[in-house]
Protein backbone atom coordinates (compact mmCIF):
# COMPACT_ATOMS: atom_id res chain seq x y z
CA MET A 1 155.60 48.00 83.34
CA PRO A 2 152.82 47.70 80.42
CA ARG A 3 154.23 49.19 76.78
CA LEU A 4 153.26 51.70 75.16
CA LEU A 5 151.31 50.35 72.26
CA GLU A 6 150.69 46.91 73.39
CA GLY A 7 147.15 45.58 71.65
CA LYS A 8 147.05 48.66 69.18
CA THR A 9 147.90 47.27 64.66
CA ALA A 10 150.37 49.84 62.90
CA ILE A 11 151.82 49.86 59.54
CA VAL A 12 154.59 51.54 58.70
CA LEU A 13 155.32 52.76 54.92
CA GLY A 14 158.96 53.54 54.36
CA VAL A 15 161.31 50.89 55.33
CA TRP A 16 163.78 50.67 53.38
CA ASN A 17 167.42 49.32 55.98
CA LYS A 18 168.60 49.59 58.84
CA TRP A 19 169.39 52.95 58.41
CA SER A 20 165.87 55.25 57.81
CA ILE A 21 164.20 56.74 59.68
CA ALA A 22 161.55 54.12 58.97
CA TYR A 23 163.05 51.76 60.25
CA ALA A 24 163.93 53.12 63.69
CA ILE A 25 160.02 54.15 64.02
CA ALA A 26 159.29 50.53 63.38
CA GLN A 27 161.60 48.88 66.35
CA ALA A 28 160.32 51.88 68.41
CA TYR A 29 157.38 50.19 67.43
CA ALA A 30 158.27 46.15 68.16
CA ARG A 31 159.52 47.34 71.18
CA GLU A 32 157.11 49.19 72.57
CA GLY A 33 154.42 45.86 71.99
CA ALA A 34 152.41 47.07 68.87
CA ARG A 35 151.48 44.58 66.63
CA LEU A 36 154.06 45.45 63.61
CA LEU A 37 152.86 45.47 59.63
CA LEU A 38 154.83 46.36 57.37
CA THR A 39 154.63 47.12 53.35
CA TYR A 40 156.97 47.56 50.72
CA GLN A 41 157.36 49.29 46.98
CA ASN A 42 157.90 46.64 44.70
CA GLU A 43 159.34 42.93 44.70
CA ARG A 44 162.96 44.18 44.53
CA ALA A 45 162.17 45.74 47.87
CA LYS A 46 160.51 42.36 49.00
CA GLY A 47 163.24 40.50 49.89
CA SER A 48 164.90 42.93 52.16
CA VAL A 49 162.20 44.49 53.18
CA GLU A 50 161.08 40.62 54.86
CA GLU A 51 163.30 39.85 56.03
CA LEU A 52 163.90 43.13 58.22
CA GLY A 53 160.72 42.74 59.14
CA ARG A 54 161.03 39.37 60.90
CA GLU A 55 163.87 40.26 63.10
CA LEU A 56 161.28 42.77 64.57
CA GLY A 57 158.49 40.56 64.74
CA ALA A 58 156.57 42.09 61.32
CA THR A 59 153.58 39.49 61.28
CA ALA A 60 152.70 41.02 57.66
CA PHE A 61 153.72 42.83 54.62
CA TYR A 62 152.14 44.83 52.27
CA ALA A 63 153.93 45.83 48.30
CA CYS A 64 152.14 49.59 48.43
CA GLU A 65 154.19 51.18 45.53
CA VAL A 66 152.42 54.49 46.42
CA GLN A 67 152.16 56.05 42.31
CA GLN A 68 150.27 53.22 41.77
CA GLN A 69 146.63 53.70 43.31
CA SER A 70 145.73 49.99 42.48
CA ASP A 71 148.95 48.79 44.67
CA ILE A 72 147.57 51.75 47.18
CA GLU A 73 143.07 50.18 47.39
CA GLN A 74 144.29 46.39 46.77
CA MET A 75 146.89 46.66 50.31
CA ALA A 76 143.52 48.45 52.15
CA SER A 77 141.34 45.67 50.79
CA SER A 78 144.10 42.87 51.28
CA LEU A 79 144.09 44.04 55.49
CA GLN A 80 140.01 44.54 55.13
CA ALA A 81 139.79 40.85 54.43
CA ALA A 82 143.39 40.55 57.27
CA GLY A 83 140.64 41.57 59.61
CA HIS A 84 142.94 43.85 60.24
CA ARG A 85 141.57 46.89 62.37
CA LEU A 86 144.70 49.68 62.52
CA ASP A 87 145.69 51.90 65.61
CA VAL A 88 148.72 53.96 63.46
CA VAL A 89 149.88 54.82 60.50
CA VAL A 90 153.13 55.28 60.19
CA HIS A 91 153.42 57.37 56.16
CA SER A 92 157.92 58.33 55.53
CA LEU A 93 157.77 58.40 51.46
CA ALA A 94 160.06 60.93 49.53
CA ALA A 95 161.21 60.81 46.28
CA ALA A 96 162.99 63.36 44.44
CA LYS A 97 165.25 62.91 40.91
CA HIS A 98 168.97 63.09 41.66
CA GLU A 99 169.64 65.55 38.79
CA ASP A 100 167.23 68.28 40.84
CA LEU A 101 168.72 68.07 44.10
CA ASN A 102 171.68 68.81 42.69
CA GLN A 103 170.41 72.06 40.01
CA PRO A 104 169.51 75.44 41.01
CA PHE A 105 165.36 74.94 41.61
CA LEU A 106 164.50 77.10 39.37
CA ASN A 107 165.27 74.41 36.54
CA THR A 108 162.73 71.85 38.41
CA SER A 109 161.66 69.57 35.30
CA ARG A 110 158.20 69.70 35.25
CA GLU A 111 158.29 65.43 35.50
CA GLY A 112 159.79 66.50 38.30
CA PHE A 113 157.79 68.09 39.81
CA GLN A 114 154.72 66.27 39.68
CA LEU A 115 157.23 63.04 40.40
CA ALA A 116 158.19 64.27 44.08
CA LEU A 117 154.83 65.99 44.47
CA ASP A 118 153.65 62.70 43.71
CA VAL A 119 155.08 60.71 45.71
CA SER A 120 156.41 63.11 48.98
CA ALA A 121 153.39 64.71 49.12
CA TYR A 122 150.21 63.21 47.59
CA SER A 123 150.84 60.05 48.48
CA LEU A 124 150.42 61.49 52.30
CA VAL A 125 145.95 61.50 51.44
CA ALA A 126 146.26 58.47 49.35
CA ILE A 127 146.94 56.46 52.21
CA SER A 128 144.72 58.02 54.33
CA ARG A 129 141.61 57.62 52.23
CA ALA A 130 142.34 54.01 51.73
CA LEU A 131 143.51 52.79 54.84
CA SER A 132 141.28 55.74 57.53
CA PRO A 133 138.33 53.29 57.39
CA LEU A 134 140.12 50.89 58.51
CA MET A 135 141.26 52.98 61.85
CA THR A 136 137.23 52.04 62.89
CA ASN A 137 138.19 52.86 66.90
CA GLY A 138 139.75 55.99 65.90
CA GLY A 139 143.90 56.56 66.01
CA SER A 140 147.17 58.54 64.96
CA ILE A 141 148.37 59.42 61.05
CA MET A 142 151.56 60.45 61.12
CA THR A 143 154.33 61.81 57.86
CA LEU A 144 157.84 62.64 58.46
CA THR A 145 158.72 66.09 57.32
CA TYR A 146 162.19 68.78 57.14
CA LEU A 147 162.86 72.13 57.72
CA GLY A 148 163.48 73.08 54.61
CA SER A 149 159.18 73.55 54.05
CA THR A 150 159.16 76.68 55.55
CA ARG A 151 163.11 78.10 55.15
CA VAL A 152 165.32 78.31 52.37
CA VAL A 153 167.85 75.16 52.55
CA THR A 154 170.52 75.46 49.69
CA ASN A 155 170.28 72.28 48.52
CA TYR A 156 167.23 70.99 49.16
CA ASN A 157 165.06 72.02 46.35
CA ILE A 158 161.94 70.48 45.30
CA MET A 159 161.64 68.52 48.64
CA GLY A 160 161.19 72.10 50.31
CA ILE A 161 158.26 72.52 48.05
CA ALA A 162 157.36 69.33 48.58
CA LYS A 163 156.94 69.04 52.20
CA ALA A 164 155.38 72.36 52.27
CA ALA A 165 152.78 71.14 51.05
CA LEU A 166 153.03 67.39 52.69
CA GLU A 167 152.77 70.11 55.97
CA ALA A 168 149.41 71.58 54.96
CA GLU A 169 147.92 68.16 54.23
CA VAL A 170 148.27 67.41 57.89
CA LYS A 171 146.59 70.21 58.89
CA TYR A 172 143.80 69.66 56.45
CA LEU A 173 143.52 65.93 57.07
CA ALA A 174 143.27 66.42 60.85
CA SER A 175 140.36 68.11 60.48
CA GLU A 176 138.31 66.16 58.03
CA LEU A 177 139.22 62.69 60.20
CA GLY A 178 139.13 64.79 63.17
CA PRO A 179 135.37 63.53 63.95
CA ASN A 180 136.20 59.54 63.08
CA LYS A 181 138.95 60.30 66.38
CA ILE A 182 141.80 60.10 63.90
CA ARG A 183 144.83 62.16 65.26
CA VAL A 184 147.01 63.80 61.77
CA ASN A 185 150.46 65.42 62.79
CA ALA A 186 154.59 65.65 61.06
CA ILE A 187 157.17 64.97 63.06
CA SER A 188 160.19 67.60 61.20
CA ALA A 189 163.11 65.45 61.69
CA GLY A 190 166.62 67.85 61.65
CA ALA A 191 169.49 66.50 59.16
CA ILE A 192 169.98 62.61 59.67
CA LYS A 193 172.37 60.58 57.56
CA THR A 194 170.48 57.66 55.63
CA ILE A 195 170.66 56.43 52.12
CA SER A 196 168.28 58.52 51.20
CA SER A 197 169.73 61.97 51.95
CA ARG A 198 173.09 61.55 50.68
CA GLY A 199 170.76 63.09 47.04
CA VAL A 200 170.67 65.91 49.23
CA LYS A 201 173.27 67.86 47.77
CA ASP A 202 176.44 68.51 50.53
CA LEU A 203 174.93 66.80 53.42
CA THR A 204 177.71 66.58 55.10
CA LYS A 205 177.96 71.29 55.63
CA MET A 206 174.86 70.25 56.47
CA LEU A 207 175.02 68.05 58.94
CA GLU A 208 178.13 70.19 60.00
CA LEU A 209 176.47 73.07 60.38
CA SER A 210 173.06 72.04 62.21
CA ALA A 211 175.83 70.44 65.13
CA GLN A 212 177.46 73.53 65.97
CA ARG A 213 174.59 76.03 65.80
CA ALA A 214 171.86 73.55 67.52
CA PRO A 215 170.96 74.60 70.51
CA LEU A 216 171.87 71.29 71.96
CA ARG A 217 174.65 71.14 70.37
CA ARG A 218 174.51 67.55 68.08
CA ASN A 219 172.36 66.24 65.46
CA THR A 220 169.24 64.32 65.65
CA ASP A 221 169.16 60.03 65.35
CA THR A 222 166.73 58.51 63.93
CA ALA A 223 165.46 56.69 67.67
CA GLU A 224 164.75 59.57 68.90
CA VAL A 225 162.13 60.68 65.94
CA ALA A 226 161.41 57.27 66.52
CA ASP A 227 160.52 58.05 69.60
CA ALA A 228 158.64 60.95 68.94
CA ALA A 229 156.60 57.64 67.05
CA VAL A 230 155.63 56.06 69.59
CA PHE A 231 154.36 59.67 71.67
CA LEU A 232 152.53 60.93 68.63
CA GLY A 233 150.99 56.82 68.29
CA SER A 234 150.92 55.72 72.13
CA ASP A 235 147.50 57.51 74.49
CA LEU A 236 150.23 59.93 75.44
CA GLY A 237 149.42 61.79 71.94
CA ARG A 238 145.61 61.61 71.76
CA GLY A 239 144.81 65.28 72.44
CA VAL A 240 148.18 66.10 69.99
CA THR A 241 146.42 66.97 66.37
CA GLY A 242 147.33 68.86 63.51
CA ASN A 243 150.73 70.02 64.56
CA ILE A 244 154.48 69.52 62.92
CA LEU A 245 156.68 68.15 65.79
CA TYR A 246 160.02 69.12 65.30
CA VAL A 247 162.90 66.95 66.65
CA ASP A 248 166.07 68.34 65.61
CA ALA A 249 168.10 69.30 68.69
CA GLY A 250 166.02 72.56 68.27
CA PHE A 251 168.26 73.69 65.37
CA HIS A 252 164.43 75.15 63.98
CA ILE A 253 164.50 78.22 66.66
CA MET A 254 168.23 79.46 65.45
CA GLY A 255 168.50 82.46 63.37
CA LEU A 256 171.50 84.36 63.05
């Protein structure tokens, strides 16, 4: 049986550890035959990302601190120099100040607001602008979002605003890149216990509530999100663009 991503080259931004959604996506892409490329934020992260990547069979690693435009441009130049044509770009990046997730949203600092929007939202624009020219046969760009973009989720705070901006970007980018046969989508994953999500106050309560209220009566796991990313990156998703695909055991449909 042919693998769904055989012959495709995918770059995944955001792999930090084995518990991250980005790692699960990279793992699923390797399983489905993609040529896998990974990025790392800085020298401190390089060793661990390379170790994880080698286990998955990643063929190359690129430095990319998305708050530095020069890093993004250098990554694109290095990819081009190496002769890489990209088919899939996975943007799994977000950041916020810890204190902004542990105080009322009203008290969000200007600096904290700028950080969250820069890393969590603007970086998709910058990455898409730099890497879309390497998608000469079209392809798929995707990002990760959460229900807090459209509903008030207690303690999600500034990340909800950042994700709302991110989802709007998906639609605008899908419209502009569509003529180049590039699809742009977001996966809205349910609450998942990752190292990053632990920064959200009372995460355990969120997980408990999700499992109680979701139609499937359970939480989401990273493998489910990864399989959705395979769909969006493969030819099976060739007619899907500008969408927010919910992978949250149905939690997003529930009211009171």
